[in-house]
Amino acid sequence: MNKEQTYAGVDVSKGNLDVVVVGSDMKWRFGNNPAGIGKAVETFKGLFPVLVVFEATGGLELSFWEALTEACIPAAPVNPRQVRDFAKAKGRLAKTDEIDAEVIAHYGQAIQPRAQVFPETQSLKELMARRSQLIEMLTAEKNRLYAMRNPQIKLDIKAHIDWLESKLNDVNKDLKKAIDASPAWREKDRLLQSTPGVGPTLSATLLTQLPELGSLNRHEIAALVGVAPLNRDSGLMRGKRTVWGGRAPVRTVLYMATLAATRHNPVIKAFYNRLCGEGKARKLALTACMRKLLIILNSMLKNNTPWNNSKSLCVIGARD
C-alpha cells in the first residue's frame, strides 16, 4: 500500500530552519547553514513521501530549496501573505517560529501547493535584482545632484553616479553573458526580442521572473502577472472589473515595454488606437495592451515562433 502523503512545514529565518510535521509530534530546529541544511535534508529523506512547504522569504530560503531539489525531495515555496491570511482564518494570531512552521504545514495539507524545483534562472534573477538596485540608487543620486548646492558634495555625488553607471554597465554585460551561455535561454531571448517594443530588460525579466511563460494558457498567464480583469460582483450588484495582484516586478517592466510598443509595434499600436477611438480611457487601453502583448509573447514561446505581424493580429482579434 502507498504511504500517506506527509506535509512538513518549515519556517525559514536568517539563523534557523524550524520544522513541524502535520499530524505528529515531530518537530526540529536546524541551523540555516550548510551543516544544518544537510541534517534537515537527511531527516526529510526518512519521511518519504513528503512535501516540504516553506515561505518565499526574500532569499533566505534559496540554499535550503536548492539542497532539497538536489536530493529530489518535493519542495513547495508559498506566498507568505497567503499563509498569514490562512493563519488568521484559523484564528492563529500568535506568532513564533514553531507556530509559523505548524501553520505552514497545515497550509500545505489544506491547499496542496504544487512542488517546484529550484529554478535554473536563479543566477539571472540575482543579476536582475542587482540591476534594479543600481538603477534605484542612480535615480536617488541624480535627484540629490539636482537639489544640491554645495560644490564639493556635488562633485562627490557625480563621482558616485559615474561609479554606479560603470557597475550597471558591468551587470548588463554579465546578464548578456549568462543568457548567451545557455542555449535554452538564448533561444527564448531571441524569440522575445524579435517583438517590436521588447528589449533586453523585458526579455531578461520574463526569463527570470516568469518562467511559466509559454507553458500556460492565455487566461492563466494574464492572471499570474496581474493584468487579467477580475469580477467584483455580489448579489444584484455588478462591480467594476479591475486588475490587481500578480507579479509586480514583471508588471512594472511590461508597462514600460508596452508604452514603447504603442508607438513602435504596428500591431499593439493599432490595437491601442482602436481602443482609444472607442472611448476607452488611455490607462485602461494601455492595460489591455499589456495583456495582449503578454498573451502574444506567451503564444510565441509556446509555439517556438518569432514575432509575426499577421499571426499576432490573429491573437489580438481572438476573444479572451
C-alpha atoms as a PDB file:
ATOM      1  CA  MET A   1       0.000   0.000   0.000  1.00  0.00           C
ATOM      2  CA  ASN A   2       1.143   3.550  -0.687  1.00  0.00           C
ATOM      3  CA  LYS A   3       2.090   5.539   2.360  1.00  0.00           C
ATOM      4  CA  GLU A   4       0.001   8.630   3.021  1.00  0.00           C
ATOM      5  CA  GLN A   5       1.495  11.951   1.947  1.00  0.00           C
ATOM      6  CA  THR A   6       3.402  13.705   4.750  1.00  0.00           C
ATOM      7  CA  TYR A   7       3.404  17.508   4.955  1.00  0.00           C
ATOM      8  CA  ALA A   8       6.314  19.261   6.625  1.00  0.00           C
ATOM      9  CA  GLY A   9       6.178  22.991   7.279  1.00  0.00           C
ATOM     10  CA  VAL A  10       9.435  24.905   7.553  1.00  0.00           C
ATOM     11  CA  ASP A  11       9.776  28.406   8.963  1.00  0.00           C
ATOM     12  CA  VAL A  12      12.927  29.863   7.426  1.00  0.00           C
ATOM     13  CA  SER A  13      14.792  32.593   9.277  1.00  0.00           C
ATOM     14  CA  LYS A  14      18.289  34.007   8.954  1.00  0.00           C
ATOM     15  CA  GLY A  15      19.686  31.630  11.556  1.00  0.00           C
ATOM     16  CA  ASN A  16      17.356  28.639  11.718  1.00  0.00           C
ATOM     17  CA  LEU A  17      15.021  26.218   9.969  1.00  0.00           C
ATOM     18  CA  ASP A  18      12.096  25.315  12.255  1.00  0.00           C
ATOM     19  CA  VAL A  19      10.297  22.167  11.082  1.00  0.00           C
ATOM     20  CA  VAL A  20       6.872  20.796  12.080  1.00  0.00           C
ATOM     21  CA  VAL A  21       5.192  17.712  10.543  1.00  0.00           C
ATOM     22  CA  VAL A  22       1.387  17.659  10.282  1.00  0.00           C
ATOM     23  CA  GLY A  23      -0.401  15.082  12.435  1.00  0.00           C
ATOM     24  CA  SER A  24       2.614  14.167  14.559  1.00  0.00           C
ATOM     25  CA  ASP A  25       4.739  15.368  17.423  1.00  0.00           C
ATOM     26  CA  MET A  26       7.773  15.597  15.157  1.00  0.00           C
ATOM     27  CA  LYS A  27       9.467  18.988  15.253  1.00  0.00           C
ATOM     28  CA  TRP A  28      13.066  20.039  14.813  1.00  0.00           C
ATOM     29  CA  ARG A  29      15.261  23.109  14.638  1.00  0.00           C
ATOM     30  CA  PHE A  30      18.227  23.079  12.268  1.00  0.00           C
ATOM     31  CA  GLY A  31      20.709  25.830  11.527  1.00  0.00           C
ATOM     32  CA  ASN A  32      20.184  27.721   8.273  1.00  0.00           C
ATOM     33  CA  ASN A  33      23.726  26.895   7.184  1.00  0.00           C
ATOM     34  CA  PRO A  34      25.310  24.099   5.108  1.00  0.00           C
ATOM     35  CA  ALA A  35      25.593  21.692   8.057  1.00  0.00           C
ATOM     36  CA  GLY A  36      22.058  22.361   9.322  1.00  0.00           C
ATOM     37  CA  ILE A  37      20.548  22.160   5.835  1.00  0.00           C
ATOM     38  CA  GLY A  38      22.307  18.826   5.278  1.00  0.00           C
ATOM     39  CA  LYS A  39      20.802  17.417   8.516  1.00  0.00           C
ATOM     40  CA  ALA A  40      17.345  18.699   7.521  1.00  0.00           C
ATOM     41  CA  VAL A  41      17.570  17.030   4.105  1.00  0.00           C
ATOM     42  CA  GLU A  42      18.571  13.687   5.687  1.00  0.00           C
ATOM     43  CA  THR A  43      15.614  13.974   8.081  1.00  0.00           C
ATOM     44  CA  PHE A  44      13.177  14.571   5.209  1.00  0.00           C
ATOM     45  CA  LYS A  45      14.504  11.508   3.370  1.00  0.00           C
ATOM     46  CA  GLY A  46      13.195   9.408   6.275  1.00  0.00           C
ATOM     47  CA  LEU A  47       9.687  10.883   5.934  1.00  0.00           C
ATOM     48  CA  PHE A  48       9.031   9.734   2.345  1.00  0.00           C
ATOM     49  CA  PRO A  49       6.660  10.563   0.748  1.00  0.00           C
ATOM     50  CA  VAL A  50       6.924  14.139   1.986  1.00  0.00           C
ATOM     51  CA  LEU A  51       6.111  17.586   0.644  1.00  0.00           C
ATOM     52  CA  VAL A  52       8.270  20.264   2.241  1.00  0.00           C
ATOM     53  CA  VAL A  53       6.405  23.576   2.377  1.00  0.00           C
ATOM     54  CA  PHE A  54       8.156  26.855   3.181  1.00  0.00           C
ATOM     55  CA  GLU A  55       7.627  30.570   2.612  1.00  0.00           C
ATOM     56  CA  ALA A  56       9.498  32.546  -0.030  1.00  0.00           C
ATOM     57  CA  THR A  57      11.370  34.872   2.307  1.00  0.00           C
ATOM     58  CA  GLY A  58      13.357  37.102   0.003  1.00  0.00           C
ATOM     59  CA  GLY A  59      16.372  34.859  -0.475  1.00  0.00           C
ATOM     60  CA  LEU A  60      16.884  33.231   2.939  1.00  0.00           C
ATOM     61  CA  GLU A  61      15.263  30.044   1.648  1.00  0.00           C
ATOM     62  CA  LEU A  62      17.326  29.616  -1.526  1.00  0.00           C
ATOM     63  CA  SER A  63      20.164  27.410  -0.218  1.00  0.00           C
ATOM     64  CA  PHE A  64      17.632  25.179   1.545  1.00  0.00           C
ATOM     65  CA  TRP A  65      15.442  24.934  -1.576  1.00  0.00           C
ATOM     66  CA  GLU A  66      18.450  24.128  -3.775  1.00  0.00           C
ATOM     67  CA  ALA A  67      19.520  21.339  -1.405  1.00  0.00           C
ATOM     68  CA  LEU A  68      16.011  19.835  -1.447  1.00  0.00           C
ATOM     69  CA  THR A  69      15.978  19.846  -5.253  1.00  0.00           C
ATOM     70  CA  GLU A  70      19.411  18.193  -5.431  1.00  0.00           C
ATOM     71  CA  ALA A  71      18.141  15.478  -3.052  1.00  0.00           C
ATOM     72  CA  CYS A  72      14.965  15.003  -5.202  1.00  0.00           C
ATOM     73  CA  ILE A  73      12.727  15.949  -2.259  1.00  0.00           C
ATOM     74  CA  PRO A  74       9.473  17.673  -3.368  1.00  0.00           C
ATOM     75  CA  ALA A  75       9.506  21.275  -2.200  1.00  0.00           C
ATOM     76  CA  ALA A  76       6.804  23.948  -2.425  1.00  0.00           C
ATOM     77  CA  PRO A  77       7.648  27.626  -1.823  1.00  0.00           C
ATOM     78  CA  VAL A  78       4.476  29.536  -0.919  1.00  0.00           C
ATOM     79  CA  ASN A  79       3.366  33.155  -0.612  1.00  0.00           C
ATOM     80  CA  PRO A  80       3.867  34.475   2.983  1.00  0.00           C
ATOM     81  CA  ARG A  81       0.802  36.730   2.755  1.00  0.00           C
ATOM     82  CA  GLN A  82      -1.432  33.808   1.831  1.00  0.00           C
ATOM     83  CA  VAL A  83      -0.053  31.748   4.707  1.00  0.00           C
ATOM     84  CA  ARG A  84      -0.695  34.613   7.123  1.00  0.00           C
ATOM     85  CA  ASP A  85      -4.250  35.005   5.841  1.00  0.00           C
ATOM     86  CA  PHE A  86      -4.703  31.248   6.343  1.00  0.00           C
ATOM     87  CA  ALA A  87      -3.468  31.578   9.941  1.00  0.00           C
ATOM     88  CA  LYS A  88      -5.910  34.418  10.632  1.00  0.00           C
ATOM     89  CA  ALA A  89      -8.775  32.376   9.154  1.00  0.00           C
ATOM     90  CA  LYS A  90      -7.910  29.574  11.588  1.00  0.00           C
ATOM     91  CA  GLY A  91      -7.702  32.043  14.495  1.00  0.00           C
ATOM     92  CA  ARG A  92      -3.960  31.516  14.973  1.00  0.00           C
ATOM     93  CA  LEU A  93      -2.974  35.070  15.862  1.00  0.00           C
ATOM     94  CA  ALA A  94       0.076  34.242  17.990  1.00  0.00           C
ATOM     95  CA  LYS A  95       3.383  34.183  16.138  1.00  0.00           C
ATOM     96  CA  THR A  96       6.534  32.248  16.976  1.00  0.00           C
ATOM     97  CA  ASP A  97       8.887  30.312  14.723  1.00  0.00           C
ATOM     98  CA  GLU A  98       7.383  26.988  15.816  1.00  0.00           C
ATOM     99  CA  ILE A  99       3.800  28.218  15.406  1.00  0.00           C
ATOM    100  CA  ASP A 100       4.659  29.607  11.963  1.00  0.00           C
ATOM    101  CA  ALA A 101       6.113  26.240  10.910  1.00  0.00           C
ATOM    102  CA  GLU A 102       2.967  24.469  12.114  1.00  0.00           C
ATOM    103  CA  VAL A 103       0.720  26.903  10.230  1.00  0.00           C
ATOM    104  CA  ILE A 104       2.796  26.452   7.060  1.00  0.00           C
ATOM    105  CA  ALA A 105       2.486  22.660   7.377  1.00  0.00           C
ATOM    106  CA  HIS A 106      -1.310  22.843   7.776  1.00  0.00           C
ATOM    107  CA  TYR A 107      -1.488  25.298   4.876  1.00  0.00           C
ATOM    108  CA  GLY A 108       0.371  22.787   2.714  1.00  0.00           C
ATOM    109  CA  GLN A 109      -2.010  19.988   3.719  1.00  0.00           C
ATOM    110  CA  ALA A 110      -5.112  22.112   3.050  1.00  0.00           C
ATOM    111  CA  ILE A 111      -4.023  23.840  -0.175  1.00  0.00           C
ATOM    112  CA  GLN A 112      -1.661  21.149  -1.532  1.00  0.00           C
ATOM    113  CA  PRO A 113       0.626  23.579  -3.417  1.00  0.00           C
ATOM    114  CA  ARG A 114       2.495  22.326  -6.455  1.00  0.00           C
ATOM    115  CA  ALA A 115       6.061  21.165  -5.842  1.00  0.00           C
ATOM    116  CA  GLN A 116       8.690  23.224  -7.670  1.00  0.00           C
ATOM    117  CA  VAL A 117      12.321  22.508  -8.423  1.00  0.00           C
ATOM    118  CA  PHE A 118      14.967  25.120  -7.702  1.00  0.00           C
ATOM    119  CA  PRO A 119      14.943  27.432 -10.737  1.00  0.00           C
ATOM    120  CA  GLU A 120      17.834  27.289 -13.176  1.00  0.00           C
ATOM    121  CA  THR A 121      17.302  31.026 -13.697  1.00  0.00           C
ATOM    122  CA  GLN A 122      18.264  31.902 -10.104  1.00  0.00           C
ATOM    123  CA  SER A 123      21.641  33.388 -11.108  1.00  0.00           C
ATOM    124  CA  LEU A 124      19.880  35.504 -13.737  1.00  0.00           C
ATOM    125  CA  LYS A 125      17.284  36.572 -11.167  1.00  0.00           C
ATOM    126  CA  GLU A 126      20.011  37.758  -8.780  1.00  0.00           C
ATOM    127  CA  LEU A 127      21.657  39.756 -11.572  1.00  0.00           C
ATOM    128  CA  MET A 128      18.297  41.353 -12.412  1.00  0.00           C
ATOM    129  CA  ALA A 129      17.749  42.183  -8.741  1.00  0.00           C
ATOM    130  CA  ARG A 130      21.187  43.826  -8.584  1.00  0.00           C
ATOM    131  CA  ARG A 131      20.412  45.766 -11.767  1.00  0.00           C
ATOM    132  CA  SER A 132      17.203  47.118 -10.207  1.00  0.00           C
ATOM    133  CA  GLN A 133      19.105  48.132  -7.066  1.00  0.00           C
ATOM    134  CA  LEU A 134      21.716  50.021  -9.086  1.00  0.00           C
ATOM    135  CA  ILE A 135      19.034  51.835 -11.099  1.00  0.00           C
ATOM    136  CA  GLU A 136      17.234  52.799  -7.879  1.00  0.00           C
ATOM    137  CA  MET A 137      20.463  54.175  -6.387  1.00  0.00           C
ATOM    138  CA  LEU A 138      21.261  56.030  -9.622  1.00  0.00           C
ATOM    139  CA  THR A 139      17.849  57.684  -9.627  1.00  0.00           C
ATOM    140  CA  ALA A 140      18.254  58.743  -5.984  1.00  0.00           C
ATOM    141  CA  GLU A 141      21.726  60.174  -6.560  1.00  0.00           C
ATOM    142  CA  LYS A 142      20.631  62.084  -9.678  1.00  0.00           C
ATOM    143  CA  ASN A 143      17.754  63.601  -7.698  1.00  0.00           C
ATOM    144  CA  ARG A 144      20.179  64.619  -4.940  1.00  0.00           C
ATOM    145  CA  LEU A 145      22.550  66.139  -7.506  1.00  0.00           C
ATOM    146  CA  TYR A 146      19.745  68.258  -8.929  1.00  0.00           C
ATOM    147  CA  ALA A 147      18.851  69.669  -5.487  1.00  0.00           C
ATOM    148  CA  MET A 148      22.388  70.025  -4.078  1.00  0.00           C
ATOM    149  CA  ARG A 149      24.062  73.459  -3.918  1.00  0.00           C
ATOM    150  CA  ASN A 150      27.336  72.614  -2.169  1.00  0.00           C
ATOM    151  CA  PRO A 151      30.022  72.305  -4.939  1.00  0.00           C
ATOM    152  CA  GLN A 152      32.126  69.773  -3.046  1.00  0.00           C
ATOM    153  CA  ILE A 153      29.164  67.493  -2.339  1.00  0.00           C
ATOM    154  CA  LYS A 154      28.055  67.816  -5.976  1.00  0.00           C
ATOM    155  CA  LEU A 155      31.469  66.535  -7.095  1.00  0.00           C
ATOM    156  CA  ASP A 156      31.175  63.634  -4.666  1.00  0.00           C
ATOM    157  CA  ILE A 157      27.692  62.746  -5.961  1.00  0.00           C
ATOM    158  CA  LYS A 158      28.874  62.952  -9.590  1.00  0.00           C
ATOM    159  CA  ALA A 159      31.727  60.575  -8.796  1.00  0.00           C
ATOM    160  CA  HIS A 160      29.292  58.157  -7.189  1.00  0.00           C
ATOM    161  CA  ILE A 161      26.971  58.389 -10.218  1.00  0.00           C
ATOM    162  CA  ASP A 162      29.901  57.563 -12.526  1.00  0.00           C
ATOM    163  CA  TRP A 163      30.755  54.542 -10.358  1.00  0.00           C
ATOM    164  CA  LEU A 164      27.140  53.324 -10.300  1.00  0.00           C
ATOM    165  CA  GLU A 165      26.838  53.683 -14.084  1.00  0.00           C
ATOM    166  CA  SER A 166      30.033  51.663 -14.501  1.00  0.00           C
ATOM    167  CA  LYS A 167      28.644  48.910 -12.259  1.00  0.00           C
ATOM    168  CA  LEU A 168      25.332  48.962 -14.120  1.00  0.00           C
ATOM    169  CA  ASN A 169      27.194  48.503 -17.389  1.00  0.00           C
ATOM    170  CA  ASP A 170      29.069  45.531 -15.867  1.00  0.00           C
ATOM    171  CA  VAL A 171      25.812  43.924 -14.700  1.00  0.00           C
ATOM    172  CA  ASN A 172      24.255  44.373 -18.149  1.00  0.00           C
ATOM    173  CA  LYS A 173      27.263  42.616 -19.695  1.00  0.00           C
ATOM    174  CA  ASP A 174      27.042  39.791 -17.136  1.00  0.00           C
ATOM    175  CA  LEU A 175      23.342  39.375 -17.911  1.00  0.00           C
ATOM    176  CA  LYS A 176      24.030  39.039 -21.624  1.00  0.00           C
ATOM    177  CA  LYS A 177      26.843  36.542 -20.977  1.00  0.00           C
ATOM    178  CA  ALA A 178      24.601  34.452 -18.701  1.00  0.00           C
ATOM    179  CA  ILE A 179      21.801  34.348 -21.282  1.00  0.00           C
ATOM    180  CA  ASP A 180      24.187  33.574 -24.165  1.00  0.00           C
ATOM    181  CA  ALA A 181      25.783  30.758 -22.150  1.00  0.00           C
ATOM    182  CA  SER A 182      22.509  28.788 -22.087  1.00  0.00           C
ATOM    183  CA  PRO A 183      21.110  27.548 -25.437  1.00  0.00           C
ATOM    184  CA  ALA A 184      17.571  27.446 -23.986  1.00  0.00           C
ATOM    185  CA  TRP A 185      17.704  30.978 -22.556  1.00  0.00           C
ATOM    186  CA  ARG A 186      19.441  32.279 -25.697  1.00  0.00           C
ATOM    187  CA  GLU A 187      16.674  30.907 -27.936  1.00  0.00           C
ATOM    188  CA  LYS A 188      13.887  32.287 -25.727  1.00  0.00           C
ATOM    189  CA  ASP A 189      15.643  35.644 -25.604  1.00  0.00           C
ATOM    190  CA  ARG A 190      15.894  35.662 -29.395  1.00  0.00           C
ATOM    191  CA  LEU A 191      12.194  34.937 -29.782  1.00  0.00           C
ATOM    192  CA  LEU A 192      11.135  37.545 -27.238  1.00  0.00           C
ATOM    193  CA  GLN A 193      13.370  40.301 -28.642  1.00  0.00           C
ATOM    194  CA  SER A 194      12.076  39.670 -32.159  1.00  0.00           C
ATOM    195  CA  THR A 195       8.969  41.556 -30.953  1.00  0.00           C
ATOM    196  CA  PRO A 196       8.982  45.331 -31.607  1.00  0.00           C
ATOM    197  CA  GLY A 197       8.990  47.035 -28.220  1.00  0.00           C
ATOM    198  CA  VAL A 198      10.609  44.134 -26.339  1.00  0.00           C
ATOM    199  CA  GLY A 199      14.211  44.837 -25.388  1.00  0.00           C
ATOM    200  CA  PRO A 200      16.842  43.152 -23.206  1.00  0.00           C
ATOM    201  CA  THR A 201      15.290  44.364 -19.934  1.00  0.00           C
ATOM    202  CA  LEU A 202      11.815  42.912 -20.511  1.00  0.00           C
ATOM    203  CA  SER A 203      13.260  39.742 -22.021  1.00  0.00           C
ATOM    204  CA  ALA A 204      15.536  39.117 -19.017  1.00  0.00           C
ATOM    205  CA  THR A 205      12.704  39.974 -16.617  1.00  0.00           C
ATOM    206  CA  LEU A 206      10.370  37.457 -18.256  1.00  0.00           C
ATOM    207  CA  LEU A 207      13.071  34.769 -18.267  1.00  0.00           C
ATOM    208  CA  THR A 208      13.816  35.235 -14.569  1.00  0.00           C
ATOM    209  CA  GLN A 209      10.524  36.353 -13.030  1.00  0.00           C
ATOM    210  CA  LEU A 210       8.063  34.499 -15.264  1.00  0.00           C
ATOM    211  CA  PRO A 211       9.468  31.035 -16.090  1.00  0.00           C
ATOM    212  CA  GLU A 212       5.875  29.837 -16.670  1.00  0.00           C
ATOM    213  CA  LEU A 213       5.693  31.926 -19.868  1.00  0.00           C
ATOM    214  CA  GLY A 214       4.948  29.580 -22.771  1.00  0.00           C
ATOM    215  CA  SER A 215       3.577  26.763 -20.587  1.00  0.00           C
ATOM    216  CA  LEU A 216       0.234  28.291 -19.504  1.00  0.00           C
ATOM    217  CA  ASN A 217      -2.865  29.314 -21.440  1.00  0.00           C
ATOM    218  CA  ARG A 218      -3.765  32.965 -22.112  1.00  0.00           C
ATOM    219  CA  HIS A 219      -6.064  33.297 -19.084  1.00  0.00           C
ATOM    220  CA  GLU A 220      -3.603  31.713 -16.651  1.00  0.00           C
ATOM    221  CA  ILE A 221      -0.604  33.800 -17.746  1.00  0.00           C
ATOM    222  CA  ALA A 222      -2.593  37.069 -17.581  1.00  0.00           C
ATOM    223  CA  ALA A 223      -3.865  36.240 -14.085  1.00  0.00           C
ATOM    224  CA  LEU A 224      -0.376  35.215 -12.929  1.00  0.00           C
ATOM    225  CA  VAL A 225       1.116  38.578 -13.918  1.00  0.00           C
ATOM    226  CA  GLY A 226      -1.911  40.519 -12.647  1.00  0.00           C
ATOM    227  CA  VAL A 227      -3.246  42.025 -15.884  1.00  0.00           C
ATOM    228  CA  ALA A 228      -6.463  39.987 -16.090  1.00  0.00           C
ATOM    229  CA  PRO A 229      -9.698  41.861 -15.227  1.00  0.00           C
ATOM    230  CA  LEU A 230     -11.329  40.295 -12.164  1.00  0.00           C
ATOM    231  CA  ASN A 231     -15.043  40.335 -11.348  1.00  0.00           C
ATOM    232  CA  ARG A 232     -16.329  42.221  -8.306  1.00  0.00           C
ATOM    233  CA  ASP A 233     -19.986  41.124  -8.217  1.00  0.00           C
ATOM    234  CA  SER A 234     -22.212  40.447  -5.219  1.00  0.00           C
ATOM    235  CA  GLY A 235     -25.912  39.654  -5.408  1.00  0.00           C
ATOM    236  CA  LEU A 236     -27.561  42.106  -7.770  1.00  0.00           C
ATOM    237  CA  MET A 237     -24.556  44.448  -7.658  1.00  0.00           C
ATOM    238  CA  ARG A 238     -22.242  44.377 -10.675  1.00  0.00           C
ATOM    239  CA  GLY A 239     -18.933  45.925  -9.749  1.00  0.00           C
ATOM    240  CA  LYS A 240     -16.273  47.390 -11.967  1.00  0.00           C
ATOM    241  CA  ARG A 241     -13.757  44.891 -13.356  1.00  0.00           C
ATOM    242  CA  THR A 242     -10.272  45.632 -12.078  1.00  0.00           C
ATOM    243  CA  VAL A 243      -6.794  44.137 -12.274  1.00  0.00           C
ATOM    244  CA  TRP A 244      -4.799  43.519  -9.104  1.00  0.00           C
ATOM    245  CA  GLY A 245      -2.368  41.098  -7.508  1.00  0.00           C
ATOM    246  CA  GLY A 246       0.111  39.181  -9.637  1.00  0.00           C
ATOM    247  CA  ARG A 247       3.846  39.734 -10.034  1.00  0.00           C
ATOM    248  CA  ALA A 248       4.514  43.435  -9.625  1.00  0.00           C
ATOM    249  CA  PRO A 249       8.167  43.383 -10.878  1.00  0.00           C
ATOM    250  CA  VAL A 250       7.038  41.789 -14.165  1.00  0.00           C
ATOM    251  CA  ARG A 251       4.105  44.165 -14.483  1.00  0.00           C
ATOM    252  CA  THR A 252       6.301  47.238 -13.982  1.00  0.00           C
ATOM    253  CA  VAL A 253       8.719  46.309 -16.774  1.00  0.00           C
ATOM    254  CA  LEU A 254       5.873  45.107 -19.011  1.00  0.00           C
ATOM    255  CA  TYR A 255       4.189  48.507 -18.601  1.00  0.00           C
ATOM    256  CA  MET A 256       7.266  50.376 -19.876  1.00  0.00           C
ATOM    257  CA  ALA A 257       7.705  47.966 -22.799  1.00  0.00           C
ATOM    258  CA  THR A 258       4.035  48.279 -23.736  1.00  0.00           C
ATOM    259  CA  LEU A 259       4.332  52.053 -23.651  1.00  0.00           C
ATOM    260  CA  ALA A 260       7.101  51.769 -26.262  1.00  0.00           C
ATOM    261  CA  ALA A 261       5.095  49.183 -28.203  1.00  0.00           C
ATOM    262  CA  THR A 262       2.122  51.555 -28.581  1.00  0.00           C
ATOM    263  CA  ARG A 263       4.469  53.780 -30.587  1.00  0.00           C
ATOM    264  CA  HIS A 264       6.714  51.320 -32.425  1.00  0.00           C
ATOM    265  CA  ASN A 265       4.875  47.989 -32.649  1.00  0.00           C
ATOM    266  CA  PRO A 266       2.359  48.135 -35.520  1.00  0.00           C
ATOM    267  CA  VAL A 267       0.006  45.526 -34.027  1.00  0.00           C
ATOM    268  CA  ILE A 268      -0.078  46.926 -30.483  1.00  0.00           C
ATOM    269  CA  LYS A 269      -0.205  50.491 -31.820  1.00  0.00           C
ATOM    270  CA  ALA A 270      -3.274  49.687 -33.959  1.00  0.00           C
ATOM    271  CA  PHE A 271      -4.962  47.924 -31.030  1.00  0.00           C
ATOM    272  CA  TYR A 272      -4.250  50.840 -28.675  1.00  0.00           C
ATOM    273  CA  ASN A 273      -5.525  53.432 -31.156  1.00  0.00           C
ATOM    274  CA  ARG A 274      -8.681  51.402 -31.767  1.00  0.00           C
ATOM    275  CA  LEU A 275      -9.465  51.189 -28.051  1.00  0.00           C
ATOM    276  CA  CYS A 276      -8.852  54.918 -27.577  1.00  0.00           C
ATOM    277  CA  GLY A 277     -11.025  55.629 -30.622  1.00  0.00           C
ATOM    278  CA  GLU A 278     -13.841  53.640 -28.995  1.00  0.00           C
ATOM    279  CA  GLY A 279     -13.707  55.965 -25.998  1.00  0.00           C
ATOM    280  CA  LYS A 280     -11.636  53.811 -23.637  1.00  0.00           C
ATOM    281  CA  ALA A 281      -9.543  55.713 -21.103  1.00  0.00           C
ATOM    282  CA  ARG A 282      -5.869  55.745 -22.072  1.00  0.00           C
ATOM    283  CA  LYS A 283      -4.789  53.964 -18.889  1.00  0.00           C
ATOM    284  CA  LEU A 284      -7.423  51.261 -19.450  1.00  0.00           C
ATOM    285  CA  ALA A 285      -6.361  50.896 -23.090  1.00  0.00           C
ATOM    286  CA  LEU A 286      -2.707  50.592 -22.046  1.00  0.00           C
ATOM    287  CA  THR A 287      -3.558  47.859 -19.528  1.00  0.00           C
ATOM    288  CA  ALA A 288      -5.435  45.974 -22.260  1.00  0.00           C
ATOM    289  CA  CYS A 289      -2.356  46.319 -24.484  1.00  0.00           C
ATOM    290  CA  MET A 290      -0.151  44.940 -21.703  1.00  0.00           C
ATOM    291  CA  ARG A 291      -2.385  41.904 -21.507  1.00  0.00           C
ATOM    292  CA  LYS A 292      -2.409  41.403 -25.287  1.00  0.00           C
ATOM    293  CA  LEU A 293       1.370  41.783 -25.574  1.00  0.00           C
ATOM    294  CA  LEU A 294       1.858  39.253 -22.784  1.00  0.00           C
ATOM    295  CA  ILE A 295      -0.556  36.796 -24.457  1.00  0.00           C
ATOM    296  CA  ILE A 296       1.280  37.151 -27.779  1.00  0.00           C
ATOM    297  CA  LEU A 297       4.674  36.543 -26.123  1.00  0.00           C
ATOM    298  CA  ASN A 298       3.231  33.526 -24.319  1.00  0.00           C
ATOM    299  CA  SER A 299       1.992  32.125 -27.640  1.00  0.00           C
ATOM    300  CA  MET A 300       5.355  32.774 -29.321  1.00  0.00           C
ATOM    301  CA  LEU A 301       7.268  30.770 -26.694  1.00  0.00           C
ATOM    302  CA  LYS A 302       4.633  28.016 -26.603  1.00  0.00           C
ATOM    303  CA  ASN A 303       4.846  27.543 -30.383  1.00  0.00           C
ATOM    304  CA  ASN A 304       8.561  28.399 -30.629  1.00  0.00           C
ATOM    305  CA  THR A 305       7.925  31.040 -33.319  1.00  0.00           C
ATOM    306  CA  PRO A 306       9.328  34.580 -33.634  1.00  0.00           C
ATOM    307  CA  TRP A 307       7.232  37.728 -33.980  1.00  0.00           C
ATOM    308  CA  ASN A 308       4.913  37.787 -36.985  1.00  0.00           C
ATOM    309  CA  ASN A 309       2.631  40.768 -37.613  1.00  0.00           C
ATOM    310  CA  SER A 310      -0.137  38.752 -39.306  1.00  0.00           C
ATOM    311  CA  LYS A 311      -0.165  35.934 -36.737  1.00  0.00           C
ATOM    312  CA  SER A 312      -0.073  38.433 -33.885  1.00  0.00           C
ATOM    313  CA  LEU A 313      -3.101  40.159 -35.386  1.00  0.00           C
ATOM    314  CA  CYS A 314      -4.926  36.836 -35.121  1.00  0.00           C
ATOM    315  CA  VAL A 315      -4.074  36.662 -31.411  1.00  0.00           C
ATOM    316  CA  ILE A 316      -5.221  40.273 -30.992  1.00  0.00           C
ATOM    317  CA  GLY A 317      -8.528  39.523 -32.649  1.00  0.00           C
ATOM    318  CA  ALA A 318      -9.234  36.426 -30.569  1.00  0.00           C
ATOM    319  CA  ARG A 319     -11.550  36.708 -27.601  1.00  0.00           C
ATOM    320  CA  ASP A 320     -10.179  36.292 -24.071  1.00  0.00           C
END
